[in-house]
Amino acid sequence: MTYLQFLLVFLLPPLLLLAVPVVRTLRERPWLGAGLLTLVVIAYVWTTPWDNYLVASEVWGYGDGRVLGTIWYVPIEEYLFFGLQTLMTGGWTILLMRRADLLAPPPPRERASRSTVLAWVAGTVTAGALVLYEPTRYLGLILAWIGPPLGLQWWYGGRWLADRLRVLWPAVAVPTVYLWLADGYAIANGIWSISERYTTGLAFGPLPVEEATFFLVTNLVVVQGMVLFASVRSEVLAWAR
């Protein structure tokens, strides 16, 4: 199976299933579409240099004849994956955002807490230490890369988001588990590979723990981004009145 075939088999079907109910929801709340497109743009801007560095550093690799071509170091299909994953997870989140309590703005007093800042600093230091050691380098690069967007989200509305985990957890869990299975299949069938040199060796079958972490944190950022976009809009409207 080529990388393009992988996308057609594993990413296109859930997007098609989500298309009708998501479009129906966007007709009622078109501003959610603007939020989703904003996240897609951010995903490309934030991920492109990081992904190219990983491939250039041989943390990731791709099977011979499995890709159409590359832009810089990264396969064309990989760039498609950035957007398709964001659309899939974001669309699924939109369906779970019909509840009114997700549209209320976070209380200002909950946005900046000392514990949030300390947690971000500790995470940054930990990521830096992991990058220096070869077997944990990939994990450290994931944490260093995802730290700023996660930290910003938690600074803005961490406690508010935590209070809504009863709604947020399926938005994160469903696409994460699905992509774990898809990624494990791709690795097992040689579509792409993860360097043994830069990973811990811990795995769930063919799925390295680093890859599991990657999909968990990226989906978390997308879900929280959609919910916070809605809350910011509500706050701006309230301020305008």
C-alpha atoms as a PDB file:
ATOM      1  CA  MET A   1       0.000   0.000   0.000  1.00  0.00           C
ATOM      2  CA  THR A   2       1.303   3.468  -0.883  1.00  0.00           C
ATOM      3  CA  TYR A   3       0.978   6.522   1.360  1.00  0.00           C
ATOM      4  CA  LEU A   4      -1.706   7.951  -0.943  1.00  0.00           C
ATOM      5  CA  GLN A   5      -3.692   4.716  -0.760  1.00  0.00           C
ATOM      6  CA  PHE A   6      -3.372   4.835   3.021  1.00  0.00           C
ATOM      7  CA  LEU A   7      -4.970   8.281   3.048  1.00  0.00           C
ATOM      8  CA  LEU A   8      -7.777   7.122   0.754  1.00  0.00           C
ATOM      9  CA  VAL A   9      -8.492   4.077   2.928  1.00  0.00           C
ATOM     10  CA  PHE A  10      -8.065   5.495   6.433  1.00  0.00           C
ATOM     11  CA  LEU A  11      -8.670   9.271   6.254  1.00  0.00           C
ATOM     12  CA  LEU A  12     -11.174   9.789   3.444  1.00  0.00           C
ATOM     13  CA  PRO A  13     -13.995   7.494   4.736  1.00  0.00           C
ATOM     14  CA  PRO A  14     -14.370   9.150   8.184  1.00  0.00           C
ATOM     15  CA  LEU A  15     -14.259  12.566   6.513  1.00  0.00           C
ATOM     16  CA  LEU A  16     -17.068  11.549   4.164  1.00  0.00           C
ATOM     17  CA  LEU A  17     -19.109  10.215   7.096  1.00  0.00           C
ATOM     18  CA  LEU A  18     -18.653  13.497   8.951  1.00  0.00           C
ATOM     19  CA  ALA A  19     -19.334  15.710   5.940  1.00  0.00           C
ATOM     20  CA  VAL A  20     -23.149  15.818   5.996  1.00  0.00           C
ATOM     21  CA  PRO A  21     -23.729  16.416   9.738  1.00  0.00           C
ATOM     22  CA  VAL A  22     -20.808  18.851   9.960  1.00  0.00           C
ATOM     23  CA  VAL A  23     -22.009  20.896   6.968  1.00  0.00           C
ATOM     24  CA  ARG A  24     -25.485  20.971   8.506  1.00  0.00           C
ATOM     25  CA  THR A  25     -24.026  22.300  11.754  1.00  0.00           C
ATOM     26  CA  LEU A  26     -21.888  24.885   9.932  1.00  0.00           C
ATOM     27  CA  ARG A  27     -24.969  26.228   8.199  1.00  0.00           C
ATOM     28  CA  GLU A  28     -26.363  27.046  11.624  1.00  0.00           C
ATOM     29  CA  ARG A  29     -23.037  28.275  13.029  1.00  0.00           C
ATOM     30  CA  PRO A  30     -20.796  29.277  10.098  1.00  0.00           C
ATOM     31  CA  TRP A  31     -18.215  30.841  12.402  1.00  0.00           C
ATOM     32  CA  LEU A  32     -17.230  27.315  13.514  1.00  0.00           C
ATOM     33  CA  GLY A  33     -16.038  26.758   9.964  1.00  0.00           C
ATOM     34  CA  ALA A  34     -13.777  29.788  10.296  1.00  0.00           C
ATOM     35  CA  GLY A  35     -12.357  28.283  13.471  1.00  0.00           C
ATOM     36  CA  LEU A  36     -11.701  24.958  11.772  1.00  0.00           C
ATOM     37  CA  LEU A  37      -9.972  26.579   8.800  1.00  0.00           C
ATOM     38  CA  THR A  38      -7.879  28.673  11.174  1.00  0.00           C
ATOM     39  CA  LEU A  39      -6.691  25.493  12.894  1.00  0.00           C
ATOM     40  CA  VAL A  40      -5.812  23.942   9.528  1.00  0.00           C
ATOM     41  CA  VAL A  41      -3.661  26.963   8.669  1.00  0.00           C
ATOM     42  CA  ILE A  42      -1.983  26.866  12.080  1.00  0.00           C
ATOM     43  CA  ALA A  43      -1.331  23.137  11.673  1.00  0.00           C
ATOM     44  CA  TYR A  44       0.570  23.741   8.433  1.00  0.00           C
ATOM     45  CA  VAL A  45       2.514  26.729   9.705  1.00  0.00           C
ATOM     46  CA  TRP A  46       3.486  25.069  12.990  1.00  0.00           C
ATOM     47  CA  THR A  47       4.105  21.540  11.729  1.00  0.00           C
ATOM     48  CA  THR A  48       5.866  22.028   8.383  1.00  0.00           C
ATOM     49  CA  PRO A  49       9.327  23.060   9.692  1.00  0.00           C
ATOM     50  CA  TRP A  50       9.188  20.534  12.545  1.00  0.00           C
ATOM     51  CA  ASP A  51       8.192  17.674  10.266  1.00  0.00           C
ATOM     52  CA  ASN A  52      10.934  18.553   7.769  1.00  0.00           C
ATOM     53  CA  TYR A  53      13.488  18.562  10.573  1.00  0.00           C
ATOM     54  CA  LEU A  54      12.379  15.098  11.738  1.00  0.00           C
ATOM     55  CA  VAL A  55      12.662  13.599   8.266  1.00  0.00           C
ATOM     56  CA  ALA A  56      15.992  15.321   7.596  1.00  0.00           C
ATOM     57  CA  SER A  57      17.277  13.984  10.939  1.00  0.00           C
ATOM     58  CA  GLU A  58      16.090  10.468  10.029  1.00  0.00           C
ATOM     59  CA  VAL A  59      13.686  10.241  12.948  1.00  0.00           C
ATOM     60  CA  TRP A  60      11.039   9.346  10.371  1.00  0.00           C
ATOM     61  CA  GLY A  61      11.480   7.491   7.087  1.00  0.00           C
ATOM     62  CA  TYR A  62       9.283   6.230   4.255  1.00  0.00           C
ATOM     63  CA  GLY A  63       9.272   2.984   2.302  1.00  0.00           C
ATOM     64  CA  ASP A  64      10.733   2.870  -1.215  1.00  0.00           C
ATOM     65  CA  GLY A  65       8.134   3.679  -3.836  1.00  0.00           C
ATOM     66  CA  ARG A  66       5.470   4.495  -1.218  1.00  0.00           C
ATOM     67  CA  VAL A  67       5.215   8.271  -1.842  1.00  0.00           C
ATOM     68  CA  LEU A  68       4.434  10.435  -4.876  1.00  0.00           C
ATOM     69  CA  GLY A  69       7.247  12.878  -4.236  1.00  0.00           C
ATOM     70  CA  THR A  70       8.551  15.311  -1.641  1.00  0.00           C
ATOM     71  CA  ILE A  71       8.506  19.042  -0.940  1.00  0.00           C
ATOM     72  CA  TRP A  72      11.790  19.758   0.819  1.00  0.00           C
ATOM     73  CA  TYR A  73      12.189  16.562   2.864  1.00  0.00           C
ATOM     74  CA  VAL A  74       8.535  15.695   3.495  1.00  0.00           C
ATOM     75  CA  PRO A  75       6.296  13.614   1.187  1.00  0.00           C
ATOM     76  CA  ILE A  76       3.375  15.348  -0.483  1.00  0.00           C
ATOM     77  CA  GLU A  77       1.023  12.893   1.241  1.00  0.00           C
ATOM     78  CA  GLU A  78       2.372  13.948   4.632  1.00  0.00           C
ATOM     79  CA  TYR A  79       1.306  17.524   3.979  1.00  0.00           C
ATOM     80  CA  LEU A  80      -2.137  16.206   3.088  1.00  0.00           C
ATOM     81  CA  PHE A  81      -2.185  14.310   6.377  1.00  0.00           C
ATOM     82  CA  PHE A  82      -1.696  17.600   8.331  1.00  0.00           C
ATOM     83  CA  GLY A  83      -4.905  19.021   6.963  1.00  0.00           C
ATOM     84  CA  LEU A  84      -6.953  15.823   6.836  1.00  0.00           C
ATOM     85  CA  GLN A  85      -6.282  14.950  10.475  1.00  0.00           C
ATOM     86  CA  THR A  86      -7.206  18.481  11.554  1.00  0.00           C
ATOM     87  CA  LEU A  87     -10.406  18.393   9.507  1.00  0.00           C
ATOM     88  CA  MET A  88     -11.356  14.944  10.804  1.00  0.00           C
ATOM     89  CA  THR A  89     -10.768  15.700  14.479  1.00  0.00           C
ATOM     90  CA  GLY A  90     -12.112  19.240  14.177  1.00  0.00           C
ATOM     91  CA  GLY A  91     -15.244  18.065  12.371  1.00  0.00           C
ATOM     92  CA  TRP A  92     -15.889  15.394  14.981  1.00  0.00           C
ATOM     93  CA  THR A  93     -15.454  18.046  17.694  1.00  0.00           C
ATOM     94  CA  ILE A  94     -17.949  20.351  15.995  1.00  0.00           C
ATOM     95  CA  LEU A  95     -20.594  17.624  16.257  1.00  0.00           C
ATOM     96  CA  LEU A  96     -19.963  17.450  20.011  1.00  0.00           C
ATOM     97  CA  MET A  97     -20.039  21.230  20.388  1.00  0.00           C
ATOM     98  CA  ARG A  98     -23.760  21.622  19.963  1.00  0.00           C
ATOM     99  CA  ARG A  99     -24.113  21.834  23.728  1.00  0.00           C
ATOM    100  CA  ALA A 100     -24.603  25.439  24.808  1.00  0.00           C
ATOM    101  CA  ASP A 101     -22.210  25.194  27.774  1.00  0.00           C
ATOM    102  CA  LEU A 102     -19.252  24.886  25.375  1.00  0.00           C
ATOM    103  CA  LEU A 103     -20.001  28.298  23.902  1.00  0.00           C
ATOM    104  CA  ALA A 104     -19.673  30.304  27.111  1.00  0.00           C
ATOM    105  CA  PRO A 105     -16.443  32.341  27.578  1.00  0.00           C
ATOM    106  CA  PRO A 106     -13.967  31.165  30.232  1.00  0.00           C
ATOM    107  CA  PRO A 107     -14.050  33.303  33.394  1.00  0.00           C
ATOM    108  CA  PRO A 108     -11.064  35.717  33.309  1.00  0.00           C
ATOM    109  CA  ARG A 109      -9.890  34.718  36.805  1.00  0.00           C
ATOM    110  CA  GLU A 110      -9.288  31.162  35.621  1.00  0.00           C
ATOM    111  CA  ARG A 111      -7.005  31.975  32.725  1.00  0.00           C
ATOM    112  CA  ALA A 112      -3.609  32.616  34.197  1.00  0.00           C
ATOM    113  CA  SER A 113      -2.712  30.431  37.149  1.00  0.00           C
ATOM    114  CA  ARG A 114       0.692  29.919  38.717  1.00  0.00           C
ATOM    115  CA  SER A 115       0.330  26.141  38.478  1.00  0.00           C
ATOM    116  CA  THR A 116      -0.251  26.376  34.717  1.00  0.00           C
ATOM    117  CA  VAL A 117       2.877  28.468  34.236  1.00  0.00           C
ATOM    118  CA  LEU A 118       4.953  26.154  36.425  1.00  0.00           C
ATOM    119  CA  ALA A 119       3.655  23.098  34.571  1.00  0.00           C
ATOM    120  CA  TRP A 120       4.609  24.668  31.233  1.00  0.00           C
ATOM    121  CA  VAL A 121       8.098  25.545  32.470  1.00  0.00           C
ATOM    122  CA  ALA A 122       8.589  22.033  33.873  1.00  0.00           C
ATOM    123  CA  GLY A 123       7.388  20.512  30.613  1.00  0.00           C
ATOM    124  CA  THR A 124       9.751  22.681  28.581  1.00  0.00           C
ATOM    125  CA  VAL A 125      12.744  21.748  30.735  1.00  0.00           C
ATOM    126  CA  THR A 126      11.798  18.070  30.541  1.00  0.00           C
ATOM    127  CA  ALA A 127      11.448  18.215  26.761  1.00  0.00           C
ATOM    128  CA  GLY A 128      14.859  19.831  26.445  1.00  0.00           C
ATOM    129  CA  ALA A 129      16.453  17.126  28.595  1.00  0.00           C
ATOM    130  CA  LEU A 130      14.810  14.344  26.564  1.00  0.00           C
ATOM    131  CA  VAL A 131      16.044  15.812  23.276  1.00  0.00           C
ATOM    132  CA  LEU A 132      19.653  15.604  24.474  1.00  0.00           C
ATOM    133  CA  TYR A 133      19.466  11.823  24.964  1.00  0.00           C
ATOM    134  CA  GLU A 134      19.211   9.841  21.717  1.00  0.00           C
ATOM    135  CA  PRO A 135      16.692   7.154  22.820  1.00  0.00           C
ATOM    136  CA  THR A 136      14.269   9.848  24.026  1.00  0.00           C
ATOM    137  CA  ARG A 137      14.956  12.431  21.332  1.00  0.00           C
ATOM    138  CA  TYR A 138      11.770  11.877  19.348  1.00  0.00           C
ATOM    139  CA  LEU A 139       9.639  12.069  22.492  1.00  0.00           C
ATOM    140  CA  GLY A 140      11.445  15.245  23.546  1.00  0.00           C
ATOM    141  CA  LEU A 141      10.945  16.825  20.121  1.00  0.00           C
ATOM    142  CA  ILE A 142       7.218  16.060  20.303  1.00  0.00           C
ATOM    143  CA  LEU A 143       6.895  17.672  23.736  1.00  0.00           C
ATOM    144  CA  ALA A 144       9.015  20.698  22.775  1.00  0.00           C
ATOM    145  CA  TRP A 145       6.964  21.235  19.608  1.00  0.00           C
ATOM    146  CA  ILE A 146       3.527  20.809  21.180  1.00  0.00           C
ATOM    147  CA  GLY A 147       4.377  22.685  24.398  1.00  0.00           C
ATOM    148  CA  PRO A 148       3.745  26.267  23.173  1.00  0.00           C
ATOM    149  CA  PRO A 149       0.248  25.709  21.698  1.00  0.00           C
ATOM    150  CA  LEU A 150      -0.842  23.524  24.611  1.00  0.00           C
ATOM    151  CA  GLY A 151       0.593  26.007  27.113  1.00  0.00           C
ATOM    152  CA  LEU A 152      -1.219  28.899  25.457  1.00  0.00           C
ATOM    153  CA  GLN A 153      -4.516  27.026  25.493  1.00  0.00           C
ATOM    154  CA  TRP A 154      -4.183  26.055  29.151  1.00  0.00           C
ATOM    155  CA  TRP A 155      -3.091  29.562  30.107  1.00  0.00           C
ATOM    156  CA  TYR A 156      -6.191  30.990  28.488  1.00  0.00           C
ATOM    157  CA  GLY A 157      -8.777  28.537  29.805  1.00  0.00           C
ATOM    158  CA  GLY A 158      -7.184  25.504  31.415  1.00  0.00           C
ATOM    159  CA  ARG A 159      -9.601  25.046  34.308  1.00  0.00           C
ATOM    160  CA  TRP A 160     -12.545  25.877  32.077  1.00  0.00           C
ATOM    161  CA  LEU A 161     -11.445  23.177  29.637  1.00  0.00           C
ATOM    162  CA  ALA A 162     -10.841  20.689  32.446  1.00  0.00           C
ATOM    163  CA  ASP A 163     -14.386  21.223  33.724  1.00  0.00           C
ATOM    164  CA  ARG A 164     -15.694  20.146  30.327  1.00  0.00           C
ATOM    165  CA  LEU A 165     -13.742  16.919  30.011  1.00  0.00           C
ATOM    166  CA  ARG A 166     -17.001  15.004  30.089  1.00  0.00           C
ATOM    167  CA  VAL A 167     -17.628  16.423  26.605  1.00  0.00           C
ATOM    168  CA  LEU A 168     -14.041  16.807  25.459  1.00  0.00           C
ATOM    169  CA  TRP A 169     -12.777  13.302  26.214  1.00  0.00           C
ATOM    170  CA  PRO A 170     -14.673  11.508  23.426  1.00  0.00           C
ATOM    171  CA  ALA A 171     -13.697  14.276  21.015  1.00  0.00           C
ATOM    172  CA  VAL A 172     -10.055  13.480  21.775  1.00  0.00           C
ATOM    173  CA  ALA A 173     -10.293   9.738  22.388  1.00  0.00           C
ATOM    174  CA  VAL A 174     -12.188   8.572  19.295  1.00  0.00           C
ATOM    175  CA  PRO A 175      -9.895  10.061  16.605  1.00  0.00           C
ATOM    176  CA  THR A 176      -6.815   9.284  18.705  1.00  0.00           C
ATOM    177  CA  VAL A 177      -7.567   5.575  19.037  1.00  0.00           C
ATOM    178  CA  TYR A 178      -8.539   5.411  15.378  1.00  0.00           C
ATOM    179  CA  LEU A 179      -5.270   7.017  14.279  1.00  0.00           C
ATOM    180  CA  TRP A 180      -3.293   4.766  16.634  1.00  0.00           C
ATOM    181  CA  LEU A 181      -4.703   1.768  14.778  1.00  0.00           C
ATOM    182  CA  ALA A 182      -4.127   3.345  11.373  1.00  0.00           C
ATOM    183  CA  ASP A 183      -0.576   4.386  12.239  1.00  0.00           C
ATOM    184  CA  GLY A 184       0.233   0.940  13.598  1.00  0.00           C
ATOM    185  CA  TYR A 185      -0.970  -0.565  10.330  1.00  0.00           C
ATOM    186  CA  ALA A 186       1.174   1.829   8.291  1.00  0.00           C
ATOM    187  CA  ILE A 187       4.296   1.038  10.316  1.00  0.00           C
ATOM    188  CA  ALA A 188       3.675  -2.709  10.234  1.00  0.00           C
ATOM    189  CA  ASN A 189       3.291  -2.578   6.450  1.00  0.00           C
ATOM    190  CA  GLY A 190       6.331  -0.425   5.759  1.00  0.00           C
ATOM    191  CA  ILE A 191       4.554   2.712   4.535  1.00  0.00           C
ATOM    192  CA  TRP A 192       6.681   4.683   6.977  1.00  0.00           C
ATOM    193  CA  SER A 193       9.102   3.835   9.741  1.00  0.00           C
ATOM    194  CA  ILE A 194      10.235   5.316  13.035  1.00  0.00           C
ATOM    195  CA  SER A 195      13.925   5.311  13.930  1.00  0.00           C
ATOM    196  CA  GLU A 196      14.925   2.829  16.638  1.00  0.00           C
ATOM    197  CA  ARG A 197      17.925   5.017  17.406  1.00  0.00           C
ATOM    198  CA  TYR A 198      15.820   7.983  18.534  1.00  0.00           C
ATOM    199  CA  THR A 199      13.008   6.131  20.326  1.00  0.00           C
ATOM    200  CA  THR A 200      12.701   4.353  23.649  1.00  0.00           C
ATOM    201  CA  GLY A 201      11.708   1.004  22.202  1.00  0.00           C
ATOM    202  CA  LEU A 202       8.448   1.003  24.154  1.00  0.00           C
ATOM    203  CA  ALA A 203       5.530   0.149  21.915  1.00  0.00           C
ATOM    204  CA  PHE A 204       1.963  -1.095  21.715  1.00  0.00           C
ATOM    205  CA  GLY A 205       2.450  -3.789  19.105  1.00  0.00           C
ATOM    206  CA  PRO A 206       3.853  -1.997  16.035  1.00  0.00           C
ATOM    207  CA  LEU A 207       2.957   1.446  17.460  1.00  0.00           C
ATOM    208  CA  PRO A 208       5.836   3.187  19.304  1.00  0.00           C
ATOM    209  CA  VAL A 209       4.829   5.050  22.442  1.00  0.00           C
ATOM    210  CA  GLU A 210       6.133   8.222  20.807  1.00  0.00           C
ATOM    211  CA  GLU A 211       3.658   7.892  17.962  1.00  0.00           C
ATOM    212  CA  ALA A 212       0.860   7.253  20.431  1.00  0.00           C
ATOM    213  CA  THR A 213       1.865  10.435  22.254  1.00  0.00           C
ATOM    214  CA  PHE A 214       1.994  12.387  19.004  1.00  0.00           C
ATOM    215  CA  PHE A 215      -1.579  11.617  18.010  1.00  0.00           C
ATOM    216  CA  LEU A 216      -2.873  12.171  21.528  1.00  0.00           C
ATOM    217  CA  VAL A 217      -1.395  15.658  21.900  1.00  0.00           C
ATOM    218  CA  THR A 218      -2.167  16.788  18.353  1.00  0.00           C
ATOM    219  CA  ASN A 219      -5.809  15.798  18.679  1.00  0.00           C
ATOM    220  CA  LEU A 220      -5.954  17.445  22.094  1.00  0.00           C
ATOM    221  CA  VAL A 221      -4.721  20.721  20.597  1.00  0.00           C
ATOM    222  CA  VAL A 222      -7.300  20.566  17.793  1.00  0.00           C
ATOM    223  CA  VAL A 223     -10.200  19.798  20.134  1.00  0.00           C
ATOM    224  CA  GLN A 224      -9.267  22.451  22.663  1.00  0.00           C
ATOM    225  CA  GLY A 225      -8.637  24.912  19.840  1.00  0.00           C
ATOM    226  CA  MET A 226     -12.153  24.459  18.475  1.00  0.00           C
ATOM    227  CA  VAL A 227     -13.768  24.831  21.889  1.00  0.00           C
ATOM    228  CA  LEU A 228     -11.691  27.887  22.791  1.00  0.00           C
ATOM    229  CA  PHE A 229     -12.434  29.475  19.410  1.00  0.00           C
ATOM    230  CA  ALA A 230     -16.125  29.223  20.227  1.00  0.00           C
ATOM    231  CA  SER A 231     -15.582  30.673  23.692  1.00  0.00           C
ATOM    232  CA  VAL A 232     -13.524  33.592  22.360  1.00  0.00           C
ATOM    233  CA  ARG A 233     -16.284  34.410  19.882  1.00  0.00           C
ATOM    234  CA  SER A 234     -18.855  34.409  22.690  1.00  0.00           C
ATOM    235  CA  GLU A 235     -16.653  36.677  24.761  1.00  0.00           C
ATOM    236  CA  VAL A 236     -16.114  39.123  21.913  1.00  0.00           C
ATOM    237  CA  LEU A 237     -19.861  39.285  21.269  1.00  0.00           C
ATOM    238  CA  ALA A 238     -20.512  39.882  24.975  1.00  0.00           C
ATOM    239  CA  TRP A 239     -17.887  42.644  25.054  1.00  0.00           C
ATOM    240  CA  ALA A 240     -19.379  44.260  21.924  1.00  0.00           C
ATOM    241  CA  ARG A 241     -22.749  44.565  23.630  1.00  0.00           C
END
